[in-house]
Structure formats: C-alpha cells, structure tokens
C-alpha cells in the first residue's frame, strides 16, 4: 500500500468484523479516489489484493456493498490463473437458511459443501435451502479453496437460479 491510501490493519479484528473493517477502509479512501484518478486506480488494485487475500476469512459479508465495489473496481481486477483455468460454464450451488436476508456472492462448485452450509455447520438452520445456478467463467471474480469449500465468488449475485428445500436431517 502506498502513502496516498489510508492504512488497513486486519490483524486486530475477528472474522465477524473483518468484512466491515474493509468496508470502512474503502469508504475512508473513496473521497481521495473520487478526487484523483490515480488514487482511484490505486484503491481499486489494493481492494482486489485485500479481497483475494482475506475473503475466505470473512464470516459476515455485506454482499450488497461488495457487489457494488466489485463493479466499481472491476477495471483494476486482474484475472487469476485459477479463474482462467475454469471451464466456460460452471454449475454452482449456494446453501443457506431460507430466511437469510442477503443472497450472496459466494457459491461453491461442490453440492455437498452447499448442503452443509444450508443446514448450518452445527445443523442449526431451521429452514435450509439449496440454490443452484450455472455461471459463465466471466462472472467469477475469485476461486478460493483454502478451506476446501470449492468456493467461487461472483462479481454479482445471479438472477436466475433453482431453489430446492432440504430436510434438516437428510444425509
């Protein structure tokens, strides 16, 4: 990070706070970015570095904000080799509680993993649901597998998907 951006320190925050700390950091730098194009480019490149390094460690994600920032900073995104090596189309799933308010950017290419998320890591979701969609690789911002979740992060939430209710004790 260069001197024109305010510093970002994620070492002192937990996984539930980390996504919000990044949001605060982006917002604190946007004034300068709006005023000077070179700061916009610098912030965009650093935003993608931070997201790629830390996304998997975010436990609460404001998907709406990140979707907006993904669109704003997409010109500064560099396609990783993991995204380049994806097939043209991917079948992907997202598991969550049906009543969860935010539909997310994080999906998995592993149906079994999505089922685990739908039920909750401790089988605590009272109304699990599984979503399925097919995405083009051009819609994928990140490929993350550091937690063996076969996670893909999309630039924007999909509009077309299938929904499947799940029995809590199934499988």
N, C-alpha and C. Protein backbone atom coordinates (compact mmCIF):
# COMPACT_ATOMS: atom_id res chain seq x y z
N UNK A 1 0.85 -1.17 0.00
CA UNK A 1 0.00 0.00 0.00
C UNK A 1 0.90 1.24 0.00
N UNK A 2 0.54 2.24 -0.76
CA UNK A 2 1.36 3.45 -0.83
C UNK A 2 0.82 4.52 0.10
N UNK A 3 1.55 5.59 0.17
CA UNK A 3 1.23 6.66 1.13
C UNK A 3 -0.08 7.37 0.82
N UNK A 4 -0.59 7.28 -0.40
CA UNK A 4 -1.82 8.01 -0.71
C UNK A 4 -3.07 7.33 -0.16
N UNK A 5 -2.99 6.05 0.23
CA UNK A 5 -4.13 5.36 0.82
C UNK A 5 -3.97 5.28 2.33
N UNK A 6 -5.08 5.38 3.02
CA UNK A 6 -5.06 5.18 4.47
C UNK A 6 -4.75 3.71 4.74
N UNK A 7 -4.04 3.42 5.82
CA UNK A 7 -3.65 2.02 6.08
C UNK A 7 -4.84 1.15 6.48
N UNK A 8 -4.67 -0.14 6.23
CA UNK A 8 -5.67 -1.13 6.60
C UNK A 8 -4.99 -2.15 7.51
N UNK A 9 -5.55 -2.37 8.69
CA UNK A 9 -4.99 -3.34 9.63
C UNK A 9 -6.09 -4.32 10.03
N UNK A 10 -5.97 -5.54 9.55
CA UNK A 10 -6.97 -6.58 9.84
C UNK A 10 -6.51 -7.52 10.96
N UNK A 11 -5.32 -7.30 11.49
CA UNK A 11 -4.76 -8.21 12.50
C UNK A 11 -5.53 -8.20 13.81
N UNK A 12 -6.13 -7.07 14.15
CA UNK A 12 -6.77 -6.94 15.45
C UNK A 12 -8.27 -7.21 15.43
N UNK A 13 -8.79 -7.68 14.33
CA UNK A 13 -10.24 -7.91 14.28
C UNK A 13 -10.54 -9.37 13.98
N UNK A 14 -11.66 -9.82 14.48
CA UNK A 14 -12.08 -11.19 14.26
C UNK A 14 -12.76 -11.37 12.92
N UNK A 15 -13.05 -12.61 12.60
CA UNK A 15 -13.62 -12.93 11.30
C UNK A 15 -15.00 -12.31 11.09
N UNK A 16 -15.75 -12.10 12.17
CA UNK A 16 -17.08 -11.49 12.05
C UNK A 16 -16.99 -10.00 11.76
N UNK A 17 -15.87 -9.38 12.07
CA UNK A 17 -15.70 -7.93 11.86
C UNK A 17 -14.92 -7.60 10.60
N UNK A 18 -14.12 -8.53 10.12
CA UNK A 18 -13.15 -8.26 9.07
C UNK A 18 -13.77 -7.65 7.81
N UNK A 19 -14.89 -8.19 7.34
CA UNK A 19 -15.53 -7.64 6.14
C UNK A 19 -15.96 -6.20 6.31
N UNK A 20 -16.45 -5.85 7.52
CA UNK A 20 -16.86 -4.47 7.81
C UNK A 20 -15.66 -3.53 7.93
N UNK A 21 -14.56 -4.03 8.46
CA UNK A 21 -13.34 -3.21 8.57
C UNK A 21 -12.84 -2.85 7.17
N UNK A 22 -12.92 -3.79 6.25
CA UNK A 22 -12.53 -3.50 4.86
C UNK A 22 -13.47 -2.46 4.26
N UNK A 23 -14.76 -2.58 4.54
CA UNK A 23 -15.72 -1.58 4.05
C UNK A 23 -15.36 -0.20 4.58
N UNK A 24 -15.10 -0.10 5.87
CA UNK A 24 -14.72 1.19 6.46
C UNK A 24 -13.46 1.75 5.80
N UNK A 25 -12.50 0.87 5.53
CA UNK A 25 -11.26 1.29 4.88
C UNK A 25 -11.54 1.83 3.47
N UNK A 26 -12.36 1.11 2.71
CA UNK A 26 -12.70 1.56 1.35
C UNK A 26 -13.39 2.92 1.42
N UNK A 27 -14.38 3.03 2.30
CA UNK A 27 -15.12 4.30 2.41
C UNK A 27 -14.22 5.45 2.83
N UNK A 28 -13.25 5.18 3.71
CA UNK A 28 -12.35 6.24 4.16
C UNK A 28 -11.42 6.70 3.05
N UNK A 29 -11.21 5.88 2.05
CA UNK A 29 -10.33 6.23 0.93
C UNK A 29 -11.08 6.72 -0.31
N UNK A 30 -12.40 6.58 -0.33
CA UNK A 30 -13.15 6.94 -1.54
C UNK A 30 -13.14 8.43 -1.84
N UNK A 31 -13.10 9.27 -0.81
CA UNK A 31 -13.06 10.72 -1.05
C UNK A 31 -11.87 11.10 -1.92
N UNK A 32 -10.70 10.59 -1.55
CA UNK A 32 -9.49 10.88 -2.33
C UNK A 32 -9.58 10.23 -3.71
N UNK A 33 -10.16 9.04 -3.76
CA UNK A 33 -10.28 8.34 -5.04
C UNK A 33 -11.21 9.08 -5.99
N UNK A 34 -12.27 9.67 -5.44
CA UNK A 34 -13.19 10.44 -6.29
C UNK A 34 -12.53 11.70 -6.82
N UNK A 35 -11.58 12.24 -6.07
CA UNK A 35 -10.94 13.49 -6.46
C UNK A 35 -9.78 13.28 -7.43
N UNK A 36 -9.08 12.15 -7.31
CA UNK A 36 -7.88 11.94 -8.12
C UNK A 36 -7.93 10.55 -8.76
N UNK A 37 -7.87 10.51 -10.08
CA UNK A 37 -8.00 9.24 -10.81
C UNK A 37 -6.90 8.25 -10.42
N UNK A 38 -5.68 8.73 -10.16
CA UNK A 38 -4.60 7.80 -9.82
C UNK A 38 -4.86 7.12 -8.48
N UNK A 39 -5.53 7.83 -7.56
CA UNK A 39 -5.87 7.23 -6.26
C UNK A 39 -6.98 6.20 -6.46
N UNK A 40 -7.91 6.48 -7.36
CA UNK A 40 -8.96 5.51 -7.69
C UNK A 40 -8.33 4.21 -8.18
N UNK A 41 -7.37 4.30 -9.08
CA UNK A 41 -6.71 3.11 -9.61
C UNK A 41 -5.94 2.38 -8.50
N UNK A 42 -5.26 3.13 -7.68
CA UNK A 42 -4.50 2.53 -6.58
C UNK A 42 -5.44 1.82 -5.59
N UNK A 43 -6.54 2.48 -5.25
CA UNK A 43 -7.51 1.88 -4.34
C UNK A 43 -8.13 0.64 -4.97
N UNK A 44 -8.45 0.71 -6.25
CA UNK A 44 -9.02 -0.44 -6.93
C UNK A 44 -8.09 -1.64 -6.92
N UNK A 45 -6.83 -1.42 -7.23
CA UNK A 45 -5.85 -2.53 -7.23
C UNK A 45 -5.67 -3.08 -5.82
N UNK A 46 -5.58 -2.21 -4.83
CA UNK A 46 -5.39 -2.66 -3.44
C UNK A 46 -6.65 -3.34 -2.91
N UNK A 47 -7.82 -2.86 -3.30
CA UNK A 47 -9.07 -3.51 -2.92
C UNK A 47 -9.06 -4.97 -3.36
N UNK A 48 -8.70 -5.22 -4.62
CA UNK A 48 -8.69 -6.59 -5.11
C UNK A 48 -7.65 -7.44 -4.40
N UNK A 49 -6.49 -6.86 -4.08
CA UNK A 49 -5.49 -7.61 -3.31
C UNK A 49 -6.04 -8.02 -1.95
N UNK A 50 -6.69 -7.09 -1.27
CA UNK A 50 -7.25 -7.36 0.05
C UNK A 50 -8.35 -8.41 -0.04
N UNK A 51 -9.25 -8.25 -0.99
CA UNK A 51 -10.36 -9.20 -1.13
C UNK A 51 -9.83 -10.60 -1.44
N UNK A 52 -8.88 -10.70 -2.34
CA UNK A 52 -8.35 -12.01 -2.69
C UNK A 52 -7.64 -12.67 -1.51
N UNK A 53 -6.92 -11.90 -0.73
CA UNK A 53 -6.19 -12.45 0.41
C UNK A 53 -7.08 -12.78 1.60
N UNK A 54 -8.17 -12.03 1.79
CA UNK A 54 -8.90 -12.14 3.06
C UNK A 54 -10.35 -12.59 2.94
N UNK A 55 -10.91 -12.70 1.75
CA UNK A 55 -12.33 -13.04 1.60
C UNK A 55 -12.71 -14.29 2.39
N UNK A 56 -11.90 -15.31 2.29
CA UNK A 56 -12.22 -16.57 2.97
C UNK A 56 -12.23 -16.44 4.48
N UNK A 57 -11.67 -15.36 5.00
CA UNK A 57 -11.66 -15.16 6.45
C UNK A 57 -12.77 -14.22 6.93
N UNK A 58 -13.66 -13.83 6.02
CA UNK A 58 -14.82 -13.01 6.40
C UNK A 58 -15.97 -13.93 6.79
N UNK A 59 -16.50 -13.77 8.00
CA UNK A 59 -17.66 -14.58 8.39
C UNK A 59 -18.98 -13.86 8.16
N UNK A 60 -18.98 -12.57 8.17
CA UNK A 60 -20.19 -11.79 7.85
C UNK A 60 -19.84 -10.86 6.71
N UNK A 61 -20.58 -10.98 5.63
CA UNK A 61 -20.25 -10.20 4.44
C UNK A 61 -21.46 -9.39 4.01
N UNK A 62 -21.25 -8.11 3.81
CA UNK A 62 -22.28 -7.24 3.27
C UNK A 62 -22.21 -7.40 1.74
N UNK A 63 -22.93 -8.38 1.23
CA UNK A 63 -22.84 -8.72 -0.19
C UNK A 63 -23.25 -7.57 -1.10
N UNK A 64 -24.21 -6.80 -0.67
CA UNK A 64 -24.64 -5.66 -1.49
C UNK A 64 -23.51 -4.65 -1.67
N UNK A 65 -22.82 -4.32 -0.59
CA UNK A 65 -21.70 -3.38 -0.68
C UNK A 65 -20.60 -3.94 -1.58
N UNK A 66 -20.22 -5.20 -1.32
CA UNK A 66 -19.13 -5.78 -2.10
C UNK A 66 -19.50 -5.91 -3.57
N UNK A 67 -20.74 -6.22 -3.86
CA UNK A 67 -21.18 -6.29 -5.26
C UNK A 67 -20.99 -4.92 -5.93
N UNK A 68 -21.33 -3.87 -5.22
CA UNK A 68 -21.16 -2.51 -5.75
C UNK A 68 -19.67 -2.19 -5.97
N UNK A 69 -18.83 -2.56 -4.98
CA UNK A 69 -17.39 -2.29 -5.11
C UNK A 69 -16.76 -3.17 -6.19
N UNK A 70 -17.24 -4.41 -6.35
CA UNK A 70 -16.74 -5.26 -7.42
C UNK A 70 -16.99 -4.58 -8.77
N UNK A 71 -18.16 -3.99 -8.93
CA UNK A 71 -18.48 -3.30 -10.19
C UNK A 71 -17.60 -2.06 -10.36
N UNK A 72 -17.46 -1.29 -9.29
CA UNK A 72 -16.68 -0.06 -9.38
C UNK A 72 -15.21 -0.34 -9.69
N UNK A 73 -14.65 -1.35 -9.03
CA UNK A 73 -13.22 -1.61 -9.16
C UNK A 73 -12.88 -2.72 -10.17
N UNK A 74 -13.87 -3.17 -10.91
CA UNK A 74 -13.60 -4.24 -11.89
C UNK A 74 -12.52 -3.86 -12.90
N UNK A 75 -12.41 -2.59 -13.33
CA UNK A 75 -11.33 -2.25 -14.26
C UNK A 75 -9.93 -2.53 -13.71
N UNK A 76 -9.78 -2.67 -12.40
CA UNK A 76 -8.48 -2.89 -11.78
C UNK A 76 -8.28 -4.35 -11.37
N UNK A 77 -9.26 -5.19 -11.66
CA UNK A 77 -9.20 -6.61 -11.34
C UNK A 77 -8.28 -7.32 -12.32
N UNK A 78 -7.42 -8.17 -11.81
CA UNK A 78 -6.55 -8.97 -12.66
C UNK A 78 -7.00 -10.42 -12.56
N UNK A 79 -7.35 -11.01 -13.69
CA UNK A 79 -7.83 -12.38 -13.71
C UNK A 79 -6.72 -13.33 -13.26
N UNK A 80 -7.01 -14.10 -12.22
CA UNK A 80 -6.02 -15.05 -11.72
C UNK A 80 -5.98 -16.28 -12.61
N UNK A 81 -4.91 -17.05 -12.48
CA UNK A 81 -4.79 -18.28 -13.27
C UNK A 81 -5.89 -19.27 -12.89
N UNK A 82 -6.35 -19.24 -11.63
CA UNK A 82 -7.42 -20.16 -11.22
C UNK A 82 -8.73 -19.83 -11.93
N UNK A 83 -8.99 -18.55 -12.15
CA UNK A 83 -10.18 -18.16 -12.91
C UNK A 83 -9.98 -18.49 -14.39
N UNK A 84 -8.81 -18.22 -14.92
CA UNK A 84 -8.53 -18.51 -16.33
C UNK A 84 -8.69 -19.99 -16.65
N UNK A 85 -8.37 -20.84 -15.69
CA UNK A 85 -8.41 -22.29 -15.92
C UNK A 85 -9.78 -22.92 -15.72
N UNK A 86 -10.78 -22.12 -15.37
CA UNK A 86 -12.13 -22.65 -15.20
C UNK A 86 -12.74 -23.02 -16.54
N UNK A 87 -13.68 -23.96 -16.54
CA UNK A 87 -14.42 -24.22 -17.79
C UNK A 87 -15.29 -23.00 -18.12
N UNK A 88 -15.76 -22.92 -19.36
CA UNK A 88 -16.56 -21.76 -19.77
C UNK A 88 -17.82 -21.59 -18.93
N UNK A 89 -18.44 -22.70 -18.55
CA UNK A 89 -19.64 -22.67 -17.71
C UNK A 89 -19.42 -23.59 -16.51
N UNK A 90 -19.94 -23.16 -15.35
CA UNK A 90 -19.81 -23.95 -14.13
C UNK A 90 -21.15 -24.09 -13.45
N UNK A 91 -21.44 -25.29 -13.02
CA UNK A 91 -22.62 -25.49 -12.19
C UNK A 91 -22.19 -25.16 -10.76
N UNK A 92 -22.99 -24.39 -10.06
CA UNK A 92 -22.62 -23.99 -8.71
C UNK A 92 -23.85 -23.96 -7.82
N UNK A 93 -23.59 -24.04 -6.51
CA UNK A 93 -24.65 -24.11 -5.51
C UNK A 93 -24.35 -23.14 -4.39
N UNK A 94 -25.42 -22.76 -3.72
CA UNK A 94 -25.31 -21.95 -2.51
C UNK A 94 -26.31 -22.51 -1.51
N UNK A 95 -25.84 -22.81 -0.32
CA UNK A 95 -26.71 -23.30 0.74
C UNK A 95 -26.82 -22.26 1.83
N UNK A 96 -28.04 -22.04 2.31
CA UNK A 96 -28.26 -21.08 3.38
C UNK A 96 -29.63 -21.31 3.99
N UNK A 97 -29.93 -20.58 5.03
CA UNK A 97 -31.25 -20.60 5.63
C UNK A 97 -32.18 -19.84 4.69
N UNK A 98 -33.35 -20.38 4.45
CA UNK A 98 -34.30 -19.75 3.53
C UNK A 98 -34.62 -18.31 3.95
N UNK A 99 -34.57 -18.01 5.22
CA UNK A 99 -34.96 -16.69 5.72
C UNK A 99 -33.79 -15.73 5.84
N UNK A 100 -32.61 -16.15 5.40
CA UNK A 100 -31.44 -15.27 5.41
C UNK A 100 -31.74 -14.11 4.47
N UNK A 101 -31.53 -12.91 4.93
CA UNK A 101 -31.94 -11.71 4.18
C UNK A 101 -31.11 -11.47 2.93
N UNK A 102 -29.81 -11.71 3.00
CA UNK A 102 -28.96 -11.39 1.85
C UNK A 102 -28.63 -12.63 1.04
N UNK A 103 -28.87 -12.53 -0.24
CA UNK A 103 -28.48 -13.57 -1.17
C UNK A 103 -27.04 -13.26 -1.55
N UNK A 104 -26.14 -14.23 -1.49
CA UNK A 104 -24.73 -13.92 -1.53
C UNK A 104 -24.00 -14.07 -2.84
N UNK A 105 -22.76 -13.58 -2.80
CA UNK A 105 -21.82 -13.66 -3.91
C UNK A 105 -21.00 -14.94 -3.86
N UNK A 106 -20.94 -15.57 -2.70
CA UNK A 106 -20.14 -16.79 -2.52
C UNK A 106 -20.97 -18.03 -2.86
N UNK A 107 -20.45 -18.83 -3.76
CA UNK A 107 -21.08 -20.07 -4.19
C UNK A 107 -20.03 -21.16 -4.14
N UNK A 108 -20.42 -22.38 -4.33
CA UNK A 108 -19.47 -23.49 -4.37
C UNK A 108 -19.78 -24.37 -5.57
N UNK A 109 -18.74 -25.00 -6.07
CA UNK A 109 -18.92 -25.96 -7.16
C UNK A 109 -19.15 -27.36 -6.61
N UNK A 110 -19.24 -27.49 -5.30
CA UNK A 110 -19.43 -28.77 -4.61
C UNK A 110 -20.80 -28.79 -3.93
N UNK A 111 -21.72 -29.54 -4.48
CA UNK A 111 -23.08 -29.59 -3.94
C UNK A 111 -23.09 -30.03 -2.48
N UNK A 112 -22.29 -31.01 -2.11
CA UNK A 112 -22.25 -31.49 -0.73
C UNK A 112 -21.84 -30.38 0.23
N UNK A 113 -20.90 -29.55 -0.18
CA UNK A 113 -20.49 -28.41 0.66
C UNK A 113 -21.64 -27.43 0.81
N UNK A 114 -22.37 -27.16 -0.26
CA UNK A 114 -23.53 -26.25 -0.18
C UNK A 114 -24.59 -26.81 0.76
N UNK A 115 -24.78 -28.11 0.74
CA UNK A 115 -25.75 -28.73 1.66
C UNK A 115 -25.33 -28.51 3.11
N UNK A 116 -24.03 -28.59 3.39
CA UNK A 116 -23.53 -28.34 4.75
C UNK A 116 -23.84 -26.90 5.17
N UNK A 117 -23.62 -25.96 4.27
CA UNK A 117 -23.92 -24.56 4.60
C UNK A 117 -25.42 -24.36 4.77
N UNK A 118 -26.22 -25.04 3.98
CA UNK A 118 -27.68 -24.91 4.09
C UNK A 118 -28.16 -25.36 5.47
N UNK A 119 -27.63 -26.45 5.93
CA UNK A 119 -28.05 -26.98 7.24
C UNK A 119 -27.46 -26.18 8.39
N UNK A 120 -26.36 -25.51 8.14
CA UNK A 120 -25.62 -24.83 9.21
C UNK A 120 -24.53 -25.76 9.69
N UNK A 121 -23.42 -25.20 10.06
CA UNK A 121 -22.28 -26.03 10.42
C UNK A 121 -22.56 -26.92 11.63
N UNK A 122 -23.56 -26.55 12.42
CA UNK A 122 -23.95 -27.37 13.56
C UNK A 122 -25.39 -27.87 13.42
N UNK A 123 -25.84 -27.98 12.17
CA UNK A 123 -27.22 -28.40 11.85
C UNK A 123 -28.24 -27.54 12.59
N UNK A 124 -28.01 -26.23 12.58
CA UNK A 124 -28.87 -25.31 13.33
C UNK A 124 -29.84 -24.52 12.47
N UNK A 125 -29.74 -24.58 11.15
CA UNK A 125 -30.67 -23.82 10.31
C UNK A 125 -32.03 -24.52 10.29
N UNK A 126 -33.08 -23.84 10.74
CA UNK A 126 -34.39 -24.47 10.81
C UNK A 126 -35.06 -24.67 9.45
N UNK A 127 -34.64 -23.91 8.45
CA UNK A 127 -35.29 -23.99 7.14
C UNK A 127 -34.22 -23.94 6.04
N UNK A 128 -33.42 -25.02 5.90
CA UNK A 128 -32.34 -24.99 4.92
C UNK A 128 -32.84 -25.01 3.49
N UNK A 129 -32.12 -24.31 2.64
CA UNK A 129 -32.46 -24.27 1.22
C UNK A 129 -31.17 -24.33 0.42
N UNK A 130 -31.27 -24.94 -0.74
CA UNK A 130 -30.14 -25.06 -1.64
C UNK A 130 -30.50 -24.34 -2.94
N UNK A 131 -29.61 -23.47 -3.41
CA UNK A 131 -29.80 -22.79 -4.68
C UNK A 131 -28.79 -23.35 -5.67
N UNK A 132 -29.20 -23.46 -6.92
CA UNK A 132 -28.32 -23.95 -7.96
C UNK A 132 -28.40 -23.01 -9.14
N UNK A 133 -27.25 -22.74 -9.75
CA UNK A 133 -27.21 -21.93 -10.95
C UNK A 133 -26.03 -22.36 -11.81
N UNK A 134 -26.06 -21.97 -13.05
CA UNK A 134 -24.92 -22.16 -13.93
C UNK A 134 -24.39 -20.78 -14.27
N UNK A 135 -23.08 -20.59 -14.08
CA UNK A 135 -22.48 -19.28 -14.34
C UNK A 135 -21.40 -19.42 -15.41
N UNK A 136 -21.20 -18.35 -16.14
CA UNK A 136 -20.08 -18.29 -17.07
C UNK A 136 -18.83 -17.93 -16.29
N UNK A 137 -17.70 -18.39 -16.73
CA UNK A 137 -16.47 -18.08 -16.00
C UNK A 137 -16.19 -16.58 -15.98
N UNK A 138 -16.73 -15.83 -16.92
CA UNK A 138 -16.55 -14.38 -16.92
C UNK A 138 -17.28 -13.71 -15.75
N UNK A 139 -18.17 -14.45 -15.09
CA UNK A 139 -18.91 -13.93 -13.94
C UNK A 139 -18.18 -14.19 -12.62
N UNK A 140 -17.05 -14.91 -12.67
CA UNK A 140 -16.32 -15.32 -11.47
C UNK A 140 -15.17 -14.35 -11.19
N UNK A 141 -15.21 -13.76 -10.01
CA UNK A 141 -14.14 -12.85 -9.58
C UNK A 141 -13.00 -13.61 -8.92
N UNK A 142 -13.34 -14.58 -8.07
CA UNK A 142 -12.33 -15.30 -7.29
C UNK A 142 -12.65 -16.78 -7.24
N UNK A 143 -11.61 -17.58 -7.16
CA UNK A 143 -11.71 -19.01 -6.89
C UNK A 143 -10.91 -19.25 -5.62
N UNK A 144 -11.58 -19.76 -4.59
CA UNK A 144 -10.92 -19.97 -3.30
C UNK A 144 -11.13 -21.41 -2.86
N UNK A 145 -10.06 -22.06 -2.49
CA UNK A 145 -10.21 -23.41 -1.97
C UNK A 145 -9.33 -23.64 -0.75
N UNK A 146 -8.93 -22.56 -0.09
CA UNK A 146 -8.05 -22.71 1.06
C UNK A 146 -8.74 -23.36 2.25
N UNK A 147 -10.07 -23.42 2.25
CA UNK A 147 -10.80 -24.11 3.32
C UNK A 147 -11.52 -25.34 2.77
N UNK A 148 -11.08 -25.80 1.61
CA UNK A 148 -11.67 -26.98 0.96
C UNK A 148 -13.18 -26.84 0.76
N UNK A 149 -13.61 -25.64 0.39
CA UNK A 149 -15.03 -25.38 0.16
C UNK A 149 -15.36 -25.23 -1.32
N UNK A 150 -14.37 -25.34 -2.19
CA UNK A 150 -14.58 -25.18 -3.64
C UNK A 150 -15.38 -23.91 -3.93
N UNK A 151 -14.96 -22.83 -3.29
CA UNK A 151 -15.71 -21.58 -3.34
C UNK A 151 -15.37 -20.77 -4.59
N UNK A 152 -16.42 -20.23 -5.19
CA UNK A 152 -16.25 -19.21 -6.22
C UNK A 152 -17.00 -17.98 -5.73
N UNK A 153 -16.43 -16.82 -5.99
CA UNK A 153 -17.04 -15.55 -5.63
C UNK A 153 -17.40 -14.84 -6.93
N UNK A 154 -18.66 -14.50 -7.06
CA UNK A 154 -19.16 -13.90 -8.30
C UNK A 154 -19.08 -12.37 -8.23
N UNK A 155 -18.97 -11.74 -9.38
CA UNK A 155 -18.98 -10.28 -9.44
C UNK A 155 -20.33 -9.73 -8.99
N UNK A 156 -21.39 -10.45 -9.33
CA UNK A 156 -22.73 -10.02 -8.90
C UNK A 156 -23.59 -11.24 -8.62
N UNK A 157 -24.58 -11.03 -7.79
CA UNK A 157 -25.47 -12.13 -7.42
C UNK A 157 -26.27 -12.56 -8.64
N UNK A 158 -26.41 -13.86 -8.85
CA UNK A 158 -27.13 -14.34 -10.03
C UNK A 158 -28.62 -14.02 -9.95
N UNK A 159 -29.21 -13.79 -11.09
CA UNK A 159 -30.64 -13.51 -11.17
C UNK A 159 -31.46 -14.77 -11.43
N UNK A 160 -30.84 -15.75 -12.06
CA UNK A 160 -31.55 -16.99 -12.41
C UNK A 160 -30.95 -18.15 -11.64
N UNK A 161 -31.79 -18.84 -10.89
CA UNK A 161 -31.32 -19.97 -10.11
C UNK A 161 -32.51 -20.86 -9.76
N UNK A 162 -32.21 -22.09 -9.43
CA UNK A 162 -33.23 -23.03 -8.97
C UNK A 162 -33.13 -23.12 -7.45
N UNK A 163 -34.26 -23.33 -6.80
CA UNK A 163 -34.31 -23.43 -5.34
C UNK A 163 -34.81 -24.81 -4.95
N UNK A 164 -34.17 -25.39 -3.97
CA UNK A 164 -34.55 -26.72 -3.50
C UNK A 164 -34.60 -26.72 -1.98
N UNK A 165 -35.76 -26.98 -1.41
CA UNK A 165 -35.88 -27.10 0.03
C UNK A 165 -35.22 -28.38 0.48
N UNK A 166 -34.67 -28.40 1.67
CA UNK A 166 -33.96 -29.58 2.17
C UNK A 166 -34.55 -30.00 3.50
N UNK A 167 -34.54 -31.29 3.72
CA UNK A 167 -34.91 -31.79 5.05
C UNK A 167 -33.69 -31.65 5.93
N UNK A 168 -33.90 -31.19 7.13
CA UNK A 168 -32.79 -30.91 8.03
C UNK A 168 -31.95 -32.14 8.33
N UNK A 169 -32.54 -33.28 8.50
CA UNK A 169 -31.80 -34.47 8.90
C UNK A 169 -31.39 -35.35 7.73
N UNK A 170 -31.68 -34.93 6.52
CA UNK A 170 -31.31 -35.73 5.35
C UNK A 170 -29.79 -35.79 5.21
N UNK A 171 -29.30 -36.93 4.77
CA UNK A 171 -27.86 -37.18 4.54
C UNK A 171 -27.11 -37.10 5.82
